[in-house]
Each structure stands twice: as C-alpha cells, then as structure tokens.
Amino acid sequence: MDEDRQRDCAICGQPGQRTKRTSKDRLVSWLLELWTGGRERYARYSCQRCNWTTLLRRPVRRSEQ
C-alpha cells in the first residue's frame, strides 16, 4: 500500500506525498468516477522540494467500495 501513498515528482524526481483532498479534488474525483463508470478516481500528490502538485488517475479497487 506504500506505493499508493508516494509517487515520484514529474518535475524534480523527488518522492511526493499524497496530500489531503480539497472539496475541488473530491468533485473532480467524483466526476471522473462517474465518467468512467466507477473504475477510476483522482489522487493528488504534492512535492515538498519544488511544490509541484500532480493529479493522478488511479483505478478504484473493489475493496474500497
């Protein structure tokens, strides 16, 4: 599960931490989930070094529902 909480930054290559989701993130995630029929949702990652934020689409695991 650790790789789900951490991704490398696209800009500087440093590991970025999964950040707390805002209401806008939840809306985008909900819309994507609706659009893909419940197969994907967004996760937000933020880099501590260069402050770059990445939104990643990730598949929804059946156990989450």
N, C-alpha and C. Protein backbone atom coordinates (compact mmCIF):
# COMPACT_ATOMS: atom_id res chain seq x y z
N MET A 1 0.81 -1.21 0.00
CA MET A 1 0.00 0.00 0.00
C MET A 1 0.85 1.27 0.00
N ASP A 2 2.15 1.10 0.31
CA ASP A 2 3.01 2.28 0.41
C ASP A 2 3.17 3.01 -0.91
N GLU A 3 3.23 2.25 -2.03
CA GLU A 3 3.42 2.89 -3.33
C GLU A 3 2.20 3.71 -3.71
N ASP A 4 1.06 3.43 -3.07
CA ASP A 4 -0.15 4.19 -3.34
C ASP A 4 -0.08 5.57 -2.68
N ARG A 5 0.70 5.70 -1.61
CA ARG A 5 0.78 6.96 -0.88
C ARG A 5 1.95 7.83 -1.34
N GLN A 6 2.82 7.30 -2.19
CA GLN A 6 4.01 8.04 -2.58
C GLN A 6 4.31 7.85 -4.06
N ARG A 7 4.57 8.94 -4.75
CA ARG A 7 4.95 8.91 -6.17
C ARG A 7 6.10 9.87 -6.40
N ASP A 8 6.90 9.58 -7.43
CA ASP A 8 7.99 10.48 -7.76
C ASP A 8 7.45 11.70 -8.49
N CYS A 9 8.03 12.85 -8.20
CA CYS A 9 7.62 14.11 -8.82
C CYS A 9 8.01 14.12 -10.30
N ALA A 10 7.12 14.61 -11.14
CA ALA A 10 7.39 14.67 -12.58
C ALA A 10 8.42 15.74 -12.92
N ILE A 11 8.58 16.72 -12.04
CA ILE A 11 9.49 17.83 -12.31
C ILE A 11 10.91 17.56 -11.82
N CYS A 12 11.05 17.24 -10.51
CA CYS A 12 12.40 17.09 -9.96
C CYS A 12 12.76 15.65 -9.59
N GLY A 13 11.80 14.72 -9.69
CA GLY A 13 12.09 13.32 -9.43
C GLY A 13 12.11 12.92 -7.96
N GLN A 14 11.91 13.89 -7.05
CA GLN A 14 11.85 13.57 -5.63
C GLN A 14 10.51 12.92 -5.29
N PRO A 15 10.47 12.08 -4.28
CA PRO A 15 9.19 11.48 -3.90
C PRO A 15 8.21 12.53 -3.37
N GLY A 16 6.98 12.45 -3.80
CA GLY A 16 5.96 13.37 -3.33
C GLY A 16 4.96 12.65 -2.46
N GLN A 17 4.43 13.33 -1.46
CA GLN A 17 3.47 12.72 -0.55
C GLN A 17 2.05 12.96 -1.02
N ARG A 18 1.19 12.00 -0.80
CA ARG A 18 -0.22 12.15 -1.08
C ARG A 18 -0.77 13.19 -0.11
N THR A 19 -1.49 14.18 -0.61
CA THR A 19 -1.96 15.26 0.24
C THR A 19 -3.44 15.14 0.54
N LYS A 20 -3.87 15.90 1.52
CA LYS A 20 -5.28 15.90 1.91
C LYS A 20 -6.12 16.47 0.77
N ARG A 21 -7.23 15.81 0.48
CA ARG A 21 -8.05 16.23 -0.66
C ARG A 21 -8.92 17.42 -0.30
N THR A 22 -8.99 18.38 -1.21
CA THR A 22 -9.87 19.53 -1.04
C THR A 22 -11.24 19.19 -1.63
N SER A 23 -12.20 20.09 -1.43
CA SER A 23 -13.54 19.84 -1.98
C SER A 23 -13.51 19.80 -3.51
N LYS A 24 -12.61 20.61 -4.12
CA LYS A 24 -12.45 20.60 -5.58
C LYS A 24 -11.91 19.25 -6.05
N ASP A 25 -10.94 18.70 -5.31
CA ASP A 25 -10.40 17.37 -5.63
C ASP A 25 -11.49 16.32 -5.57
N ARG A 26 -12.32 16.41 -4.54
CA ARG A 26 -13.41 15.44 -4.39
C ARG A 26 -14.39 15.54 -5.54
N LEU A 27 -14.67 16.77 -5.99
CA LEU A 27 -15.58 16.97 -7.12
C LEU A 27 -15.00 16.37 -8.39
N VAL A 28 -13.72 16.67 -8.67
CA VAL A 28 -13.06 16.14 -9.87
C VAL A 28 -13.02 14.62 -9.82
N SER A 29 -12.71 14.08 -8.63
CA SER A 29 -12.64 12.64 -8.46
C SER A 29 -14.01 11.99 -8.69
N TRP A 30 -15.04 12.64 -8.14
CA TRP A 30 -16.40 12.12 -8.30
C TRP A 30 -16.84 12.15 -9.76
N LEU A 31 -16.52 13.26 -10.47
CA LEU A 31 -16.87 13.37 -11.88
C LEU A 31 -16.14 12.32 -12.72
N LEU A 32 -14.84 12.11 -12.44
CA LEU A 32 -14.08 11.10 -13.17
C LEU A 32 -14.64 9.70 -12.91
N GLU A 33 -14.99 9.45 -11.64
CA GLU A 33 -15.55 8.15 -11.28
C GLU A 33 -16.87 7.92 -12.01
N LEU A 34 -17.68 8.97 -12.09
CA LEU A 34 -18.96 8.90 -12.80
C LEU A 34 -18.73 8.65 -14.29
N TRP A 35 -17.76 9.39 -14.86
CA TRP A 35 -17.46 9.32 -16.29
C TRP A 35 -16.94 7.94 -16.69
N THR A 36 -16.12 7.33 -15.82
CA THR A 36 -15.52 6.03 -16.15
C THR A 36 -16.35 4.87 -15.64
N GLY A 37 -17.54 5.15 -15.14
CA GLY A 37 -18.39 4.08 -14.63
C GLY A 37 -17.87 3.47 -13.35
N GLY A 38 -17.18 4.27 -12.53
CA GLY A 38 -16.70 3.80 -11.23
C GLY A 38 -15.39 3.07 -11.28
N ARG A 39 -14.64 3.17 -12.38
CA ARG A 39 -13.37 2.44 -12.50
C ARG A 39 -12.15 3.25 -12.08
N GLU A 40 -12.21 4.58 -12.14
CA GLU A 40 -11.04 5.40 -11.81
C GLU A 40 -11.44 6.57 -10.92
N ARG A 41 -10.45 7.06 -10.16
CA ARG A 41 -10.64 8.31 -9.44
C ARG A 41 -9.30 9.03 -9.34
N TYR A 42 -9.33 10.29 -8.93
CA TYR A 42 -8.11 11.08 -8.85
C TYR A 42 -7.45 10.98 -7.49
N ALA A 43 -6.13 11.03 -7.47
CA ALA A 43 -5.35 11.17 -6.25
C ALA A 43 -4.41 12.36 -6.45
N ARG A 44 -4.23 13.19 -5.45
CA ARG A 44 -3.38 14.38 -5.55
C ARG A 44 -2.06 14.13 -4.81
N TYR A 45 -0.98 14.42 -5.51
CA TYR A 45 0.35 14.27 -4.92
C TYR A 45 1.06 15.62 -4.95
N SER A 46 1.77 15.93 -3.87
CA SER A 46 2.45 17.21 -3.77
C SER A 46 3.91 16.98 -3.39
N CYS A 47 4.83 17.65 -4.11
CA CYS A 47 6.26 17.51 -3.86
C CYS A 47 6.72 18.56 -2.84
N GLN A 48 7.45 18.11 -1.81
CA GLN A 48 7.93 19.04 -0.79
C GLN A 48 9.09 19.90 -1.30
N ARG A 49 9.83 19.41 -2.28
CA ARG A 49 11.02 20.12 -2.74
C ARG A 49 10.67 21.29 -3.67
N CYS A 50 9.88 21.02 -4.73
CA CYS A 50 9.59 22.08 -5.69
C CYS A 50 8.13 22.52 -5.65
N ASN A 51 7.35 21.92 -4.73
CA ASN A 51 5.95 22.31 -4.52
C ASN A 51 5.07 22.06 -5.75
N TRP A 52 5.46 21.12 -6.57
CA TRP A 52 4.66 20.78 -7.75
C TRP A 52 3.54 19.82 -7.33
N THR A 53 2.34 20.09 -7.79
CA THR A 53 1.22 19.22 -7.45
C THR A 53 0.78 18.44 -8.68
N THR A 54 0.59 17.15 -8.52
CA THR A 54 0.18 16.28 -9.62
C THR A 54 -1.14 15.63 -9.27
N LEU A 55 -2.06 15.64 -10.22
CA LEU A 55 -3.29 14.87 -10.05
C LEU A 55 -3.14 13.60 -10.87
N LEU A 56 -3.26 12.46 -10.24
CA LEU A 56 -3.10 11.19 -10.94
C LEU A 56 -4.40 10.42 -10.95
N ARG A 57 -4.71 9.87 -12.12
CA ARG A 57 -5.86 8.97 -12.20
C ARG A 57 -5.41 7.62 -11.68
N ARG A 58 -6.22 7.02 -10.85
CA ARG A 58 -5.87 5.69 -10.37
C ARG A 58 -7.11 4.82 -10.37
N PRO A 59 -6.93 3.52 -10.65
CA PRO A 59 -8.09 2.63 -10.67
C PRO A 59 -8.68 2.46 -9.27
N VAL A 60 -9.96 2.32 -9.20
CA VAL A 60 -10.64 2.07 -7.94
C VAL A 60 -10.57 0.58 -7.64
N ARG A 61 -10.09 0.26 -6.45
CA ARG A 61 -10.06 -1.14 -6.04
C ARG A 61 -11.44 -1.53 -5.52
N ARG A 62 -11.83 -2.72 -5.82
CA ARG A 62 -13.17 -3.18 -5.42
C ARG A 62 -13.33 -3.17 -3.90
N SER A 63 -12.25 -3.35 -3.14
CA SER A 63 -12.33 -3.40 -1.69
C SER A 63 -12.69 -2.04 -1.09
N GLU A 64 -12.49 -0.95 -1.87
CA GLU A 64 -12.78 0.39 -1.37
C GLU A 64 -14.27 0.68 -1.36
N GLN A 65 -15.05 -0.13 -2.03
CA GLN A 65 -16.48 0.16 -2.12
C GLN A 65 -17.31 -0.61 -1.11
